[in-house]
Structures are given as structure tokens and as C-alpha cells.
Amino acid sequence: MGLEEGIGDPYKAFEPILCVQPHLASQPLEVQRLYPQTGWVEIDPDVLWLQFLAVIKESVKAAGIEMNQIVGLGISTQRATFITWNKKTGNHFHNFISWQDLRAIELVKSWNNSFLMKLIQSSCRVLHFFTRSKRFFAVSMFSFTNQHVSLRLAWILQNLVEVQKAVEEDNCCFGTIDTWLLHKLTKGAEFATDFSNASATGLFDPFKMCWSGLLTSLLSIPLSLLPPVRDTSHHFGSVDEEIFGVPIPVVALVADQQSAMFGECCFQTGDVKLTMGTGTFLDINTGNSVQHTVGGFYPLIGWKIGQEVVCLAESNAGDTGTVIKWAQQLDLFTDVAETEKMAKSLEDSEGVCFVPSFSGLQAPLDDPYACASFMGLKPSTSKYHLVRAILESIAFRNKQLYELMQKEINIPVTKVRADGGVCKNDFVMQMTSDLINEKIERPVNTDMSCLGAASLAGLAVGFWTDKEELKKLRQSEVVFKPQKKWQEYEMSMENWVKAVKRSMNWYNKMQH
């Protein structure tokens, strides 16, 4: 199909390239919260695999095409969720350990406070002073977080005897969702990941563009467990013919946030992407420069295509879509679309504040023990006030992350583009635009991770020749411009910050 046919409807152009996100099946991905008191969050790999296959079949059917017409498969996946499996049999040793899982919370704390970490950090500070090497500066600032794979994998290696035994026998494979899906699709023939997924594990050295020998040896994680790292847009092998009846080439593996960045065409240094999905992710394109900051922006590889390496700096808030879904389950509203009207029907939340912290508070607060809470409730408080307070909390977290980015990353912002389910909410979008005093573009299609995977796959098979063609396809639905000065929200935000402080350190380790 020629590109011209796709101009009117940009998505028509994607028919020969299949882009897949495992959670986009008609049935939502089954996430099991096992032992809620411990904060364990796992995903059943068998359920994920069945849903993944269902997504592909549904996508092909919806496009009105046959499997043999597909020239390439691009896969965008959630990051930092991992599994280990038996190299010989392919059987997994445990469920997927989700990026939201808190089982390693005490390991994170003890490592960050350990004498060894302090020694490494101070040594690297000295080395940075003499060499001015960015890599030494990054290590001097480094600390573990719950969202990194590193210590959750260390926990598995320490606590599951079956995995320990397999490691000793050199019969254990580790993989994030992309690696495991590739392994399954090729019936064990391929074992690989890409730079975007690898860089989000906390086990990767973005300066050397390889797995970190220092971190893996520190945590006693054998390098033999980890998959080879390939370009994001790359021929990863073909799907085994038995699965879909035809051998479809897998030509892009990409992590969801980096994929959304690519889908948004944030190709220029200083381009910013604000994804509001399950959580909020704020990313800035830092060109080919790795940026490590003190307060919570993490360096990532956005994508690597041939000689081109694009770096990002990212920070996130854990609970965005989750709090809206929770409010819906409480019957505060029936349809998510109602929330916007409910919030706009009030002048303000009448002093009601909501703290969105079901999975702790991330940067710049970094408190896994914080609790979600409503504060400032009165007899006159209605569900409208509660809903407005929830939406305001999302915009306030956006403001916090944006301020942190401006403070820590010395790159002028060129444009801000939003995506993810929650960006469909005009109230959140307008309030965020006011608070950060920037125009924010919302695309016609808000499912950018999928679009990014399709774009990368299309480039790999030559369907598009370059990124300029992709820019022409991208369409903005609406541009939100600042309408109020952010100072008009100052008192409300001060109250909210006060509520956040009261919610911190709520749980002790036994309760979480």
C-alpha cells in the first residue's frame, strides 16, 4: 500500500505492519495481587500469552486482512516487568514480577544505606572531580529504586531455590516481557531484547551501551542470564509458522514509554512527552547525551536504529489511571467521560485534597511507604468534590515532575505532547497546561505506544524511508494553551503538598 493512501487516514497506512501491545485485548490483562499485605504484584504468563495471541488475531481481523499479508511485527511492552525460565524446557519458574511489585522494598532500603554503596558513590565523586567523566558522576548519584528490575531479580535469586539451582547449572534465562514474547513466538529459537527495554531495567550502562558489569557483580546476577541487546528496529527472527500459519518477521521490540515518544514524533532534542496511562511518565529527548540527575530523572535509551542513538531522561508518578479506575469502582461515576463535567461544574474542590499513592510516591518524594488519602473532607463534601480532587492531584503531580525536569535538565523545551488514556480528559489537560505554562498537543490517536511500535517496524521493513515521513502522518486533535496563571492554583497546590506530606511514611514494612 502506498503512503499517499494513508494521508487521509494515517492508520490505514499501518495495515501491513502489525503493532502489538499485550494489554490491548478486548479483555483487560489479568493482574493478580498476591498477598496484598506484602505489596506483591504478579502477572500470570499463561494468561498474558493467550491474550497476546488474541490481540494479534483481533487486530488482523479488525484490519480486514490475512496473516500472510503482514510484512512485519512490532511489539511494544510494559517495562521492568520480568520473568525467569528454564533454558532447556522453556517453562517459567514464577509469574511475571510487575514493575509495581514491592517485594524488594527492604533490599532497596538496605542497599541504598549500605556502606558499600556509600563507598562506591564517594569514590566515584572523587573520580568525577579529577576526570569530569559523566559516567562517574552518574554512579556517584546512583541509587536503587523499587521500579528497577535489579533488586527484584536479586530477591528472586536469593529466595527461589529452583532458580538458584538453574543458575548453577547454566539453565536459567531472564527476560522482560519483550524477550519472553520473542522467545515464545520463535519457539525458543531467539533470545534477545532491545536497547530501550534493557535501559529500563537498572542493570544497563547507558554510557557503555551494554549490561553493567559493576551492577551485576554487585548483586551477584550472572551476566549469562541476560539476553543480548539489539537495535530497536531490527530483524529479531520470525514467528514460528505453527503459531499463525505463516512465518511473520519480528522487526521491532520497544519499551512502551520510548515507543510512545517515537509515536509522538518527539525526535528533536528538547521534545517532551507526557504519558498519562496507568501511571504518569514525563520524558524529554536529550539527544545523544545521557543525563543523570540528583532528584529523580533517570537516563534511558529512547531507541537505537543503526548508528542513531537517542537518549531520554524520564521521571514518573505511579498512580494516574489506577486512581480513576478505583474511583469508578467506588461508583463515584459510571463513565470516565463524566469526570470532566463533574470537575468543571465546581469552582474548586472546597479544600478537599487527594493523594494518589496506591503504589507509593515516586520522584521527587521517593516514599514507597506513603498512603493514598483524601484530606479536608467536610459534611458538605459531595462526590463531585472528590472527583475534582482526584483530577487535580494528577495535574499537581504533572506540575511537580515538570518543575523537577526544568530544574535538573539544562535543555530548553521545544514542544510538549501528551498521550495515554487520561489525556482524553480536558480538565486534566487544561489544568496541566495552566500549571506548567506551556502549550500541550493532544494527538488524534492517544494510543501512542502502539503507533510507535508500528512506526519502528515500518522503518525496519522499508515501508517508510525515514522519520520525516512519519512526521507528516502525525496529527494533533487539539492544542491546549495556558488560560490561567499558575499562581491562581498556588493556594490549592500548597494545600495539596501539605496533604502529601501528611500521607508520607504511613505504612511500616509489616503493613505494606
Protein backbone atom coordinates (compact mmCIF):
# COMPACT_ATOMS: atom_id res chain seq x y z
CA MET A 1 0.00 0.00 0.00
CA GLY A 2 1.39 3.39 -0.98
CA LEU A 3 1.95 6.14 1.56
CA GLU A 4 -0.41 8.50 -0.28
CA GLU A 5 -3.38 6.30 0.57
CA GLY A 6 -2.55 6.70 4.22
CA ILE A 7 -2.51 10.52 4.26
CA GLY A 8 -6.26 10.98 4.76
CA ASP A 9 -6.45 8.29 7.42
CA PRO A 10 -2.97 7.87 8.91
CA TYR A 11 -3.82 4.47 10.38
CA LYS A 12 -4.70 2.92 7.01
CA ALA A 13 -1.01 3.03 6.25
CA PHE A 14 -0.25 0.59 9.09
CA GLU A 15 -2.19 -2.40 7.74
CA PRO A 16 0.82 -4.40 6.52
CA ILE A 17 2.67 -3.80 9.78
CA LEU A 18 1.26 -5.23 12.96
CA CYS A 19 1.95 -3.37 16.16
CA VAL A 20 1.03 -5.12 19.36
CA GLN A 21 0.68 -4.23 23.00
CA PRO A 22 -0.13 -7.32 25.06
CA HIS A 23 -2.63 -5.48 27.26
CA LEU A 24 -4.84 -4.28 24.41
CA ALA A 25 -7.04 -7.37 24.15
CA SER A 26 -10.80 -6.98 24.50
CA GLN A 27 -10.38 -8.47 27.97
CA PRO A 28 -8.09 -6.46 30.28
CA LEU A 29 -4.84 -8.07 31.34
CA GLU A 30 -5.35 -10.13 34.47
CA VAL A 31 -3.04 -8.75 37.13
CA GLN A 32 -3.02 -10.81 40.30
CA ARG A 33 -2.25 -9.05 43.52
CA LEU A 34 -0.97 -11.93 45.57
CA TYR A 35 -0.63 -11.34 49.31
CA PRO A 36 -1.78 -7.67 49.18
CA GLN A 37 -0.24 -7.08 52.61
CA THR A 38 3.22 -7.57 51.13
CA GLY A 39 2.68 -5.43 48.02
CA TRP A 40 3.43 -8.30 45.62
CA VAL A 41 2.09 -7.69 42.09
CA GLU A 42 2.35 -10.52 39.57
CA ILE A 43 1.04 -11.32 36.09
CA ASP A 44 0.20 -14.84 35.03
CA PRO A 45 2.40 -15.55 31.97
CA ASP A 46 -0.07 -18.10 30.55
CA VAL A 47 -2.88 -15.52 30.64
CA LEU A 48 -0.59 -12.90 29.09
CA TRP A 49 0.43 -15.26 26.28
CA LEU A 50 -3.19 -16.16 25.43
CA GLN A 51 -4.22 -12.52 25.47
CA PHE A 52 -1.24 -11.58 23.33
CA LEU A 53 -2.25 -14.12 20.68
CA ALA A 54 -5.86 -12.90 20.93
CA VAL A 55 -4.71 -9.29 20.34
CA ILE A 56 -2.87 -10.26 17.18
CA LYS A 57 -5.81 -12.26 15.81
CA GLU A 58 -8.30 -9.50 16.71
CA SER A 59 -6.05 -6.83 15.14
CA VAL A 60 -5.70 -8.74 11.87
CA LYS A 61 -9.44 -9.42 11.74
CA ALA A 62 -10.29 -5.77 12.51
CA ALA A 63 -7.96 -4.61 9.72
CA GLY A 64 -9.77 -6.91 7.28
CA ILE A 65 -6.56 -8.57 6.14
CA GLU A 66 -4.98 -12.03 6.21
CA MET A 67 -1.97 -13.15 8.24
CA ASN A 68 0.06 -13.74 5.07
CA GLN A 69 -0.24 -10.02 4.17
CA ILE A 70 1.68 -8.92 7.27
CA VAL A 71 5.25 -7.97 6.45
CA GLY A 72 6.46 -7.21 9.96
CA LEU A 73 5.51 -7.38 13.63
CA GLY A 74 6.37 -4.61 16.10
CA ILE A 75 5.91 -5.28 19.82
CA SER A 76 5.60 -2.59 22.47
CA THR A 77 5.63 -3.81 26.06
CA GLN A 78 5.42 -2.67 29.64
CA ARG A 79 8.93 -2.23 31.03
CA ALA A 80 10.74 -3.56 34.08
CA THR A 81 8.28 -6.46 34.46
CA PHE A 82 10.28 -9.67 34.24
CA ILE A 83 10.30 -13.44 34.42
CA THR A 84 12.89 -16.24 34.53
CA TRP A 85 12.55 -19.58 32.78
CA ASN A 86 14.24 -22.91 32.14
CA LYS A 87 16.59 -22.63 29.16
CA LYS A 88 16.03 -26.26 28.09
CA THR A 89 12.28 -26.67 28.58
CA GLY A 90 11.12 -23.05 28.24
CA ASN A 91 8.98 -23.46 31.38
CA HIS A 92 8.84 -20.41 33.64
CA PHE A 93 9.96 -20.59 37.26
CA HIS A 94 7.47 -17.99 38.58
CA ASN A 95 4.89 -15.46 37.43
CA PHE A 96 5.93 -12.15 35.89
CA ILE A 97 7.09 -9.81 38.67
CA SER A 98 5.46 -6.48 37.85
CA TRP A 99 7.23 -3.10 37.83
CA GLN A 100 4.72 -2.13 40.59
CA ASP A 101 5.79 -5.03 42.82
CA LEU A 102 7.17 -4.04 46.23
CA ARG A 103 8.72 -7.33 47.41
CA ALA A 104 12.27 -5.89 47.22
CA ILE A 105 11.42 -2.77 49.23
CA GLU A 106 13.66 -3.75 52.17
CA LEU A 107 16.50 -4.81 49.85
CA VAL A 108 16.32 -1.40 48.15
CA LYS A 109 16.49 0.34 51.51
CA SER A 110 19.36 -1.75 52.86
CA TRP A 111 21.42 -1.46 49.65
CA ASN A 112 20.94 2.31 49.42
CA ASN A 113 22.01 2.68 53.06
CA SER A 114 24.86 0.16 52.86
CA PHE A 115 28.48 1.04 53.50
CA LEU A 116 29.44 -0.49 50.13
CA MET A 117 27.05 1.79 48.18
CA LYS A 118 28.29 4.83 50.08
CA LEU A 119 31.88 3.81 49.35
CA ILE A 120 31.16 3.38 45.61
CA GLN A 121 29.32 6.73 45.46
CA SER A 122 32.03 8.65 47.30
CA SER A 123 34.83 7.02 45.25
CA CYS A 124 33.02 8.00 42.05
CA ARG A 125 32.57 11.56 43.34
CA VAL A 126 36.34 11.79 43.75
CA LEU A 127 36.95 10.21 40.33
CA HIS A 128 34.45 12.62 38.77
CA PHE A 129 36.23 15.56 40.39
CA PHE A 130 39.51 14.56 38.71
CA THR A 131 38.20 13.22 35.39
CA ARG A 132 34.92 15.18 34.91
CA SER A 133 33.59 11.91 33.47
CA LYS A 134 29.77 11.89 33.21
CA ARG A 135 29.80 8.16 33.90
CA PHE A 136 31.48 8.60 37.29
CA PHE A 137 29.04 11.41 38.10
CA ALA A 138 26.10 9.12 37.24
CA VAL A 139 27.41 6.33 39.52
CA SER A 140 28.02 8.84 42.32
CA MET A 141 24.31 9.78 42.09
CA PHE A 142 23.02 6.26 41.55
CA SER A 143 20.58 4.68 43.97
CA PHE A 144 18.30 1.68 43.61
CA THR A 145 14.54 2.06 43.30
CA ASN A 146 11.66 -0.43 43.53
CA GLN A 147 10.86 0.13 39.88
CA HIS A 148 14.23 -1.19 38.71
CA VAL A 149 14.36 -4.88 37.85
CA SER A 150 17.75 -5.20 39.58
CA LEU A 151 16.78 -5.82 43.20
CA ARG A 152 13.55 -7.66 42.40
CA LEU A 153 15.66 -10.07 40.34
CA ALA A 154 18.20 -10.28 43.19
CA TRP A 155 15.27 -11.14 45.51
CA ILE A 156 14.20 -13.98 43.17
CA LEU A 157 17.77 -15.31 43.00
CA GLN A 158 18.01 -15.22 46.80
CA ASN A 159 14.60 -16.74 47.57
CA LEU A 160 13.66 -19.27 44.88
CA VAL A 161 15.68 -22.47 45.21
CA GLU A 162 14.57 -23.69 41.77
CA VAL A 163 16.02 -20.55 40.15
CA GLN A 164 19.26 -20.81 42.16
CA LYS A 165 19.69 -24.41 41.01
CA ALA A 166 19.02 -23.49 37.35
CA VAL A 167 21.56 -20.63 37.57
CA GLU A 168 24.20 -23.01 38.94
CA GLU A 169 23.51 -25.39 36.05
CA ASP A 170 23.58 -22.51 33.50
CA ASN A 171 20.00 -23.37 32.65
CA CYS A 172 18.24 -20.10 33.50
CA CYS A 173 17.08 -17.27 31.24
CA PHE A 174 15.95 -13.83 32.35
CA GLY A 175 13.72 -11.59 30.28
CA THR A 176 11.44 -8.62 30.37
CA ILE A 177 8.08 -9.10 28.60
CA ASP A 178 9.52 -8.38 25.13
CA THR A 179 12.26 -11.01 25.48
CA TRP A 180 9.87 -13.64 26.76
CA LEU A 181 7.33 -12.98 23.97
CA LEU A 182 10.09 -13.20 21.35
CA HIS A 183 11.25 -16.48 22.90
CA LYS A 184 7.68 -17.86 22.83
CA LEU A 185 6.90 -16.61 19.32
CA THR A 186 10.04 -18.21 17.89
CA LYS A 187 9.54 -21.38 19.99
CA GLY A 188 12.83 -20.83 21.81
CA ALA A 189 14.92 -20.03 18.71
CA GLU A 190 15.54 -16.38 19.66
CA PHE A 191 16.73 -14.80 22.91
CA ALA A 192 17.18 -11.01 22.77
CA THR A 193 15.97 -7.62 23.93
CA ASP A 194 16.42 -4.10 22.59
CA PHE A 195 18.21 -1.05 23.99
CA SER A 196 15.02 0.72 25.12
CA ASN A 197 13.88 -2.22 27.27
CA ALA A 198 17.37 -3.05 28.57
CA SER A 199 17.97 0.56 29.67
CA ALA A 200 14.83 0.49 31.86
CA THR A 201 15.96 -2.47 33.99
CA GLY A 202 18.50 -0.68 36.21
CA LEU A 203 21.09 -3.27 35.08
CA PHE A 204 22.25 -1.43 31.95
CA ASP A 205 25.11 1.01 31.47
CA PRO A 206 23.85 3.71 29.03
CA PHE A 207 27.36 5.18 28.74
CA LYS A 208 28.91 1.92 27.52
CA MET A 209 25.67 0.72 25.84
CA CYS A 210 25.86 -2.73 27.44
CA TRP A 211 24.81 -4.60 30.59
CA SER A 212 26.59 -3.15 33.62
CA GLY A 213 29.39 -5.39 34.86
CA LEU A 214 29.54 -3.36 38.09
CA LEU A 215 25.86 -3.69 38.99
CA THR A 216 25.53 -7.34 38.01
CA SER A 217 28.62 -8.33 40.02
CA LEU A 218 27.49 -6.20 42.99
CA LEU A 219 24.14 -8.01 43.08
CA SER A 220 25.56 -11.44 42.14
CA ILE A 221 23.49 -11.58 38.95
CA PRO A 222 25.33 -13.70 36.36
CA LEU A 223 25.66 -11.92 33.00
CA SER A 224 24.83 -15.26 31.35
CA LEU A 225 21.18 -14.83 32.44
CA LEU A 226 20.74 -11.64 30.45
CA PRO A 227 19.74 -11.52 26.78
CA PRO A 228 21.87 -9.97 24.01
CA VAL A 229 20.83 -6.34 23.33
CA ARG A 230 19.86 -5.43 19.76
CA ASP A 231 18.75 -2.30 17.89
CA THR A 232 15.14 -1.26 18.50
CA SER A 233 14.31 -1.51 14.80
CA HIS A 234 15.93 -4.83 13.87
CA HIS A 235 15.13 -8.25 12.41
CA PHE A 236 14.74 -10.31 15.59
CA GLY A 237 13.77 -13.55 13.81
CA SER A 238 10.43 -14.89 12.58
CA VAL A 239 7.34 -16.16 14.37
CA ASP A 240 7.22 -19.96 14.20
CA GLU A 241 4.93 -20.95 11.33
CA GLU A 242 2.77 -23.17 13.56
CA ILE A 243 1.56 -20.18 15.63
CA PHE A 244 -0.19 -18.13 12.92
CA GLY A 245 0.20 -20.35 9.87
CA VAL A 246 2.85 -18.08 8.36
CA PRO A 247 6.36 -17.03 9.49
CA ILE A 248 5.95 -13.30 10.31
CA PRO A 249 9.22 -11.38 10.87
CA VAL A 250 9.54 -9.65 14.26
CA VAL A 251 11.13 -6.34 13.27
CA ALA A 252 10.78 -4.08 16.33
CA LEU A 253 10.90 -4.58 20.08
CA VAL A 254 10.40 -1.41 22.09
CA ALA A 255 9.53 -0.38 25.64
CA ASP A 256 6.15 1.34 25.96
CA GLN A 257 7.28 4.83 27.04
CA GLN A 258 10.06 5.04 24.46
CA SER A 259 7.60 3.71 21.88
CA ALA A 260 5.10 6.45 22.80
CA MET A 261 7.90 9.02 22.44
CA PHE A 262 8.63 7.67 18.96
CA GLY A 263 4.94 7.55 18.05
CA GLU A 264 4.57 11.19 19.13
CA CYS A 265 7.44 12.06 16.73
CA CYS A 266 9.41 13.61 19.61
CA PHE A 267 12.59 13.27 17.56
CA GLN A 268 14.20 16.63 18.40
CA THR A 269 16.34 17.41 21.46
CA GLY A 270 14.07 19.19 23.97
CA ASP A 271 10.86 17.48 22.82
CA VAL A 272 8.78 16.41 25.81
CA LYS A 273 6.21 13.62 26.09
CA LEU A 274 3.68 13.42 28.91
CA THR A 275 2.04 10.00 29.05
CA MET A 276 -0.92 9.65 31.41
CA GLY A 277 -1.87 6.00 31.43
CA THR A 278 -1.80 3.64 34.42
CA GLY A 279 0.90 5.96 35.76
CA THR A 280 2.30 9.27 34.51
CA PHE A 281 5.59 9.30 32.61
CA LEU A 282 7.36 12.51 31.69
CA ASP A 283 10.18 12.11 29.14
CA ILE A 284 12.48 14.63 27.50
CA ASN A 285 14.61 13.91 24.43
CA THR A 286 18.22 14.63 25.45
CA GLY A 287 19.73 13.89 22.03
CA ASN A 288 22.79 11.63 22.16
CA SER A 289 23.65 12.84 25.67
CA VAL A 290 22.99 10.64 28.72
CA GLN A 291 21.54 12.81 31.51
CA HIS A 292 21.66 11.57 35.10
CA THR A 293 20.15 13.84 37.74
CA VAL A 294 20.13 14.07 41.51
CA GLY A 295 16.40 14.31 42.07
CA GLY A 296 14.77 11.58 40.08
CA PHE A 297 15.16 11.86 36.30
CA TYR A 298 16.52 8.57 35.06
CA PRO A 299 18.60 8.18 31.86
CA LEU A 300 17.15 5.84 29.24
CA ILE A 301 17.93 4.85 25.70
CA GLY A 302 14.95 6.02 23.67
CA TRP A 303 15.82 3.93 20.63
CA LYS A 304 18.80 2.79 18.61
CA ILE A 305 18.43 2.49 14.85
CA GLY A 306 21.70 1.74 13.10
CA GLN A 307 24.17 4.47 14.09
CA GLU A 308 21.47 6.69 15.61
CA VAL A 309 21.17 6.53 19.40
CA VAL A 310 18.60 8.79 21.06
CA CYS A 311 18.66 9.24 24.84
CA LEU A 312 15.81 10.29 27.11
CA ALA A 313 15.54 11.42 30.69
CA GLU A 314 12.40 10.22 32.45
CA SER A 315 10.55 10.55 35.71
CA ASN A 316 7.19 9.17 36.70
CA ALA A 317 4.27 9.10 39.12
CA GLY A 318 2.93 5.61 39.81
CA ASP A 319 -0.82 6.17 40.04
CA THR A 320 -2.85 8.02 37.40
CA GLY A 321 -5.29 5.80 35.51
CA THR A 322 -5.34 3.49 38.53
CA VAL A 323 -6.91 6.18 40.74
CA ILE A 324 -9.59 6.98 38.14
CA LYS A 325 -10.40 3.27 37.78
CA TRP A 326 -10.56 2.94 41.58
CA ALA A 327 -12.96 5.90 41.83
CA GLN A 328 -15.14 4.29 39.16
CA GLN A 329 -15.22 1.02 41.13
CA LEU A 330 -16.40 3.05 44.14
CA ASP A 331 -19.33 4.26 41.98
CA LEU A 332 -18.27 7.92 42.18
CA PHE A 333 -19.22 7.95 38.47
CA THR A 334 -20.36 5.43 35.87
CA ASP A 335 -18.47 6.53 32.78
CA VAL A 336 -14.94 8.03 32.89
CA ALA A 337 -16.13 10.74 30.47
CA GLU A 338 -18.40 12.12 33.26
CA THR A 339 -15.42 13.13 35.43
CA GLU A 340 -14.58 16.13 33.29
CA LYS A 341 -18.12 17.59 33.57
CA MET A 342 -18.25 16.80 37.31
CA ALA A 343 -14.99 18.67 37.93
CA LYS A 344 -15.94 21.64 35.74
CA SER A 345 -19.30 22.03 37.49
CA LEU A 346 -17.47 23.29 40.62
CA GLU A 347 -15.41 26.42 41.22
CA ASP A 348 -12.92 24.36 43.24
CA SER A 349 -12.70 21.22 45.38
CA GLU A 350 -13.66 23.18 48.55
CA GLY A 351 -10.33 22.35 50.16
CA VAL A 352 -10.58 18.59 49.53
CA CYS A 353 -7.21 17.07 48.56
CA PHE A 354 -6.45 13.61 47.19
CA VAL A 355 -3.03 11.97 47.39
CA PRO A 356 -2.57 9.46 44.51
CA SER A 357 -0.31 6.93 46.18
CA PHE A 358 -1.53 3.35 45.89
CA SER A 359 1.99 2.29 44.94
CA GLY A 360 3.90 4.88 46.98
CA LEU A 361 5.18 8.25 45.81
CA GLN A 362 7.92 8.45 43.21
CA ALA A 363 10.19 11.42 42.37
CA PRO A 364 10.77 13.96 43.74
CA LEU A 365 9.39 12.49 47.01
CA ASP A 366 10.52 8.86 46.73
CA ASP A 367 8.47 7.38 49.54
CA PRO A 368 7.27 3.79 48.97
CA TYR A 369 5.57 3.93 52.40
CA ALA A 370 3.18 6.82 51.55
CA CYS A 371 -0.54 6.07 51.54
CA ALA A 372 -3.33 7.20 49.23
CA SER A 373 -5.72 9.51 51.06
CA PHE A 374 -8.45 12.14 50.97
CA MET A 375 -7.99 15.12 53.28
CA GLY A 376 -10.06 18.19 54.04
CA LEU A 377 -13.42 16.37 53.98
CA LYS A 378 -16.46 18.25 55.34
CA PRO A 379 -20.16 17.44 55.80
CA SER A 380 -20.79 19.47 52.61
CA THR A 381 -18.32 17.37 50.55
CA SER A 382 -20.02 15.62 47.64
CA LYS A 383 -18.72 13.04 45.20
CA TYR A 384 -18.19 15.94 42.77
CA HIS A 385 -15.61 17.42 45.15
CA LEU A 386 -13.92 14.00 45.48
CA VAL A 387 -13.74 13.57 41.71
CA ARG A 388 -12.38 17.09 41.18
CA ALA A 389 -9.76 16.49 43.91
CA ILE A 390 -8.66 13.26 42.15
CA LEU A 391 -8.26 15.02 38.78
CA GLU A 392 -6.46 17.98 40.41
CA SER A 393 -4.00 15.59 42.07
CA ILE A 394 -3.00 14.26 38.62
CA ALA A 395 -2.35 17.80 37.35
CA PHE A 396 -0.41 18.70 40.53
CA ARG A 397 1.83 15.63 40.10
CA ASN A 398 2.39 16.68 36.46
CA LYS A 399 3.48 20.11 37.69
CA GLN A 400 5.87 18.56 40.24
CA LEU A 401 7.52 16.38 37.60
CA TYR A 402 7.73 19.22 35.06
CA GLU A 403 9.32 21.57 37.62
CA LEU A 404 11.83 18.89 38.55
CA MET A 405 12.70 18.41 34.88
CA GLN A 406 13.26 22.15 34.36
CA LYS A 407 15.41 22.35 37.46
CA GLU A 408 17.58 19.33 36.72
CA ILE A 409 17.90 19.11 32.94
CA ASN A 410 19.51 22.02 31.22
CA ILE A 411 17.76 21.57 27.87
CA PRO A 412 15.18 24.12 26.62
CA VAL A 413 11.76 22.54 25.99
CA THR A 414 10.80 22.63 22.29
CA LYS A 415 7.29 21.12 22.47
CA VAL A 416 5.06 19.14 24.84
CA ARG A 417 2.89 16.30 23.55
CA ALA A 418 0.53 14.20 25.65
CA ASP A 419 -0.82 10.67 25.20
CA GLY A 420 -2.36 7.82 27.22
CA GLY A 421 -5.97 7.27 28.24
CA VAL A 422 -6.12 10.05 30.85
CA CYS A 423 -5.03 12.71 28.33
CA LYS A 424 -8.55 12.45 26.88
CA ASN A 425 -9.71 14.34 29.98
CA ASP A 426 -9.87 18.04 29.02
CA PHE A 427 -9.98 19.20 32.66
CA VAL A 428 -6.65 17.49 33.48
CA MET A 429 -5.10 18.68 30.22
CA GLN A 430 -6.15 22.32 30.63
CA MET A 431 -5.12 22.45 34.29
CA THR A 432 -1.73 20.91 33.43
CA SER A 433 -1.23 23.45 30.62
CA ASP A 434 -2.03 26.29 33.07
CA LEU A 435 0.26 24.89 35.77
CA ILE A 436 3.31 24.37 33.54
CA ASN A 437 2.55 27.45 31.40
CA GLU A 438 3.12 25.53 28.14
CA LYS A 439 1.05 24.53 25.12
CA ILE A 440 0.29 20.80 25.16
CA GLU A 441 -0.63 18.94 21.97
CA ARG A 442 -3.00 16.01 22.16
CA PRO A 443 -2.87 13.67 19.14
CA VAL A 444 -5.86 12.27 17.25
CA ASN A 445 -4.85 8.77 18.35
CA THR A 446 -3.87 8.65 22.03
CA ASP A 447 -2.53 5.07 21.99
CA MET A 448 0.98 6.15 21.11
CA SER A 449 2.90 3.08 22.31
CA CYS A 450 1.19 1.02 19.63
CA LEU A 451 1.79 3.67 16.98
CA GLY A 452 5.49 3.88 17.92
CA ALA A 453 5.92 0.12 17.53
CA ALA A 454 4.24 0.29 14.11
CA SER A 455 6.46 3.19 13.05
CA LEU A 456 9.65 1.39 14.10
CA ALA A 457 8.53 -1.81 12.39
CA GLY A 458 7.64 0.15 9.24
CA LEU A 459 11.10 1.70 9.12
CA ALA A 460 12.69 -1.74 9.58
CA VAL A 461 10.90 -3.22 6.56
CA GLY A 462 11.31 -0.09 4.39
CA PHE A 463 7.61 0.80 4.44
CA TRP A 464 8.72 4.31 5.36
CA THR A 465 12.11 5.57 4.32
CA ASP A 466 12.73 7.98 7.20
CA LYS A 467 11.28 9.78 10.21
CA GLU A 468 10.28 12.80 8.10
CA GLU A 469 7.56 10.69 6.51
CA LEU A 470 6.26 9.77 9.98
CA LYS A 471 6.11 13.45 10.98
CA LYS A 472 3.79 14.14 8.03
CA LEU A 473 1.40 11.42 9.21
CA ARG A 474 1.13 12.69 12.78
CA GLN A 475 -1.99 14.73 13.55
CA SER A 476 -2.89 16.81 16.61
CA GLU A 477 -6.54 16.73 17.65
CA VAL A 478 -6.31 19.77 19.92
CA VAL A 479 -3.66 22.08 21.40
CA PHE A 480 -4.27 23.18 25.00
CA LYS A 481 -2.95 26.66 25.72
CA PRO A 482 -2.46 28.22 29.17
CA GLN A 483 -5.63 30.12 30.15
CA LYS A 484 -4.86 30.95 33.77
CA LYS A 485 -1.65 31.91 35.52
CA TRP A 486 -0.37 29.02 37.59
CA GLN A 487 -0.34 31.32 40.65
CA GLU A 488 -4.15 31.07 40.66
CA TYR A 489 -3.70 27.45 41.72
CA GLU A 490 -0.94 28.24 44.20
CA MET A 491 -3.02 28.03 47.38
CA SER A 492 -4.73 24.80 46.25
CA MET A 493 -1.36 23.28 45.40
CA GLU A 494 0.14 24.33 48.74
CA ASN A 495 -2.75 22.57 50.48
CA TRP A 496 -2.23 19.51 48.33
CA VAL A 497 1.52 19.46 49.11
CA LYS A 498 0.61 19.63 52.81
CA ALA A 499 -1.73 16.64 52.34
CA VAL A 500 1.04 14.74 50.53
CA LYS A 501 3.44 15.36 53.43
CA ARG A 502 0.86 14.03 55.92
CA SER A 503 0.46 10.85 53.83
CA MET A 504 4.17 10.08 53.78
CA ASN A 505 5.76 7.29 55.86
CA TRP A 506 2.28 5.99 56.66
CA TYR A 507 2.99 2.29 56.36
CA ASN A 508 5.65 0.44 58.20
CA LYS A 509 7.25 -2.56 56.48
CA MET A 510 4.84 -5.04 58.10
CA GLN A 511 1.78 -3.27 56.70
CA HIS A 512 2.87 -2.68 53.12
